[in-house]
Amino acid sequence: MHKTSVYLNDDEVEGLRRAAAATGQSQADLIRAALRRMLADLEARPKIFRSLGRGRGGGAPYSRWSSDDLHRRVMGDQ
């Protein structure tokens, strides 16, 4: 485990203090649990190419490809 510092505003400190008291968990445990949930949510989101459709297309409509379709078109069925 590594030590780190987190800067919280007054409302966040008070909310964290109340949550720790209500749950019987330490503030550090609550922060770690919230971070694990946030990281799991990020991993569960579908991966998309944010640059898709942002090039010089002259304003012509284009069909949106899913990231899987794009991968198949570029890499083939491997």
C-alpha atoms as a PDB file:
ATOM      1  CA  MET A   1       0.000   0.000   0.000  1.00  0.00           C
ATOM      2  CA  HIS A   2       1.232   3.514  -0.798  1.00  0.00           C
ATOM      3  CA  LYS A   3       0.587   6.693   1.163  1.00  0.00           C
ATOM      4  CA  THR A   4      -0.969   9.622  -0.680  1.00  0.00           C
ATOM      5  CA  SER A   5      -2.577  12.942   0.194  1.00  0.00           C
ATOM      6  CA  VAL A   6      -5.992  14.141  -0.913  1.00  0.00           C
ATOM      7  CA  TYR A   7      -7.194  17.721  -0.595  1.00  0.00           C
ATOM      8  CA  LEU A   8     -10.891  18.006   0.318  1.00  0.00           C
ATOM      9  CA  ASN A   9     -13.065  21.051   0.796  1.00  0.00           C
ATOM     10  CA  ASP A  10     -14.945  21.586   4.072  1.00  0.00           C
ATOM     11  CA  ASP A  11     -18.168  19.948   2.848  1.00  0.00           C
ATOM     12  CA  GLU A  12     -16.294  16.875   1.615  1.00  0.00           C
ATOM     13  CA  VAL A  13     -14.408  16.535   4.908  1.00  0.00           C
ATOM     14  CA  GLU A  14     -17.631  16.793   6.900  1.00  0.00           C
ATOM     15  CA  GLY A  15     -19.446  14.328   4.639  1.00  0.00           C
ATOM     16  CA  LEU A  16     -16.585  11.864   4.863  1.00  0.00           C
ATOM     17  CA  ARG A  17     -16.478  12.224   8.650  1.00  0.00           C
ATOM     18  CA  ARG A  18     -20.241  11.591   8.914  1.00  0.00           C
ATOM     19  CA  ALA A  19     -20.076   8.606   6.546  1.00  0.00           C
ATOM     20  CA  ALA A  20     -17.240   7.059   8.550  1.00  0.00           C
ATOM     21  CA  ALA A  21     -19.164   7.521  11.798  1.00  0.00           C
ATOM     22  CA  ALA A  22     -22.382   6.116  10.301  1.00  0.00           C
ATOM     23  CA  THR A  23     -20.745   3.039   8.763  1.00  0.00           C
ATOM     24  CA  GLY A  24     -18.079   2.343  11.365  1.00  0.00           C
ATOM     25  CA  GLN A  25     -15.463   2.323   8.616  1.00  0.00           C
ATOM     26  CA  SER A  26     -12.360   4.454   8.557  1.00  0.00           C
ATOM     27  CA  GLN A  27     -12.224   7.459   6.266  1.00  0.00           C
ATOM     28  CA  ALA A  28      -9.361   5.804   4.377  1.00  0.00           C
ATOM     29  CA  ASP A  29     -11.456   2.644   3.829  1.00  0.00           C
ATOM     30  CA  LEU A  30     -14.342   4.728   2.480  1.00  0.00           C
ATOM     31  CA  ILE A  31     -12.047   6.609   0.092  1.00  0.00           C
ATOM     32  CA  ARG A  32     -10.449   3.363  -1.148  1.00  0.00           C
ATOM     33  CA  ALA A  33     -13.875   1.743  -1.681  1.00  0.00           C
ATOM     34  CA  ALA A  34     -15.128   4.768  -3.632  1.00  0.00           C
ATOM     35  CA  LEU A  35     -11.980   4.770  -5.771  1.00  0.00           C
ATOM     36  CA  ARG A  36     -12.338   1.036  -6.501  1.00  0.00           C
ATOM     37  CA  ARG A  37     -15.981   1.568  -7.590  1.00  0.00           C
ATOM     38  CA  MET A  38     -15.021   4.480  -9.847  1.00  0.00           C
ATOM     39  CA  LEU A  39     -12.199   2.486 -11.461  1.00  0.00           C
ATOM     40  CA  ALA A  40     -14.493  -0.527 -11.999  1.00  0.00           C
ATOM     41  CA  ASP A  41     -17.104   1.745 -13.628  1.00  0.00           C
ATOM     42  CA  LEU A  42     -14.465   3.152 -15.979  1.00  0.00           C
ATOM     43  CA  GLU A  43     -13.337  -0.342 -16.967  1.00  0.00           C
ATOM     44  CA  ALA A  44     -16.936  -1.393 -17.655  1.00  0.00           C
ATOM     45  CA  ARG A  45     -17.582   1.463 -20.101  1.00  0.00           C
ATOM     46  CA  PRO A  46     -17.359   0.536 -23.773  1.00  0.00           C
ATOM     47  CA  LYS A  47     -14.200   1.749 -25.454  1.00  0.00           C
ATOM     48  CA  ILE A  48     -14.855   4.251 -28.230  1.00  0.00           C
ATOM     49  CA  PHE A  49     -12.617   6.110 -30.608  1.00  0.00           C
ATOM     50  CA  ARG A  50     -13.136   9.776 -29.744  1.00  0.00           C
ATOM     51  CA  SER A  51     -11.577  10.958 -33.015  1.00  0.00           C
ATOM     52  CA  LEU A  52     -13.955   8.936 -35.208  1.00  0.00           C
ATOM     53  CA  GLY A  53     -15.723  11.298 -37.589  1.00  0.00           C
ATOM     54  CA  ARG A  54     -13.708  14.372 -36.625  1.00  0.00           C
ATOM     55  CA  GLY A  55     -11.552  14.648 -39.747  1.00  0.00           C
ATOM     56  CA  ARG A  56     -11.975  16.711 -42.917  1.00  0.00           C
ATOM     57  CA  GLY A  57     -15.046  15.054 -44.381  1.00  0.00           C
ATOM     58  CA  GLY A  58     -16.514  18.058 -46.127  1.00  0.00           C
ATOM     59  CA  GLY A  59     -19.666  17.831 -44.048  1.00  0.00           C
ATOM     60  CA  ALA A  60     -20.892  14.709 -45.832  1.00  0.00           C
ATOM     61  CA  PRO A  61     -22.817  12.314 -43.625  1.00  0.00           C
ATOM     62  CA  TYR A  62     -21.009   9.230 -42.474  1.00  0.00           C
ATOM     63  CA  SER A  63     -22.147   6.042 -40.849  1.00  0.00           C
ATOM     64  CA  ARG A  64     -20.970   5.591 -37.290  1.00  0.00           C
ATOM     65  CA  TRP A  65     -19.011   2.427 -36.671  1.00  0.00           C
ATOM     66  CA  SER A  66     -18.775   0.779 -33.305  1.00  0.00           C
ATOM     67  CA  SER A  67     -15.247   0.251 -32.035  1.00  0.00           C
ATOM     68  CA  ASP A  68     -15.662  -3.480 -32.797  1.00  0.00           C
ATOM     69  CA  ASP A  69     -16.709  -2.742 -36.413  1.00  0.00           C
ATOM     70  CA  LEU A  70     -13.778  -0.380 -36.852  1.00  0.00           C
ATOM     71  CA  HIS A  71     -11.354  -2.950 -35.439  1.00  0.00           C
ATOM     72  CA  ARG A  72     -12.720  -5.614 -37.834  1.00  0.00           C
ATOM     73  CA  ARG A  73     -12.425  -3.238 -40.805  1.00  0.00           C
ATOM     74  CA  VAL A  74      -8.850  -2.283 -39.937  1.00  0.00           C
ATOM     75  CA  MET A  75      -7.511  -5.570 -38.580  1.00  0.00           C
ATOM     76  CA  GLY A  76      -9.750  -8.071 -40.355  1.00  0.00           C
ATOM     77  CA  ASP A  77     -11.381 -11.026 -38.651  1.00  0.00           C
ATOM     78  CA  GLN A  78      -8.527 -12.326 -36.547  1.00  0.00           C
END
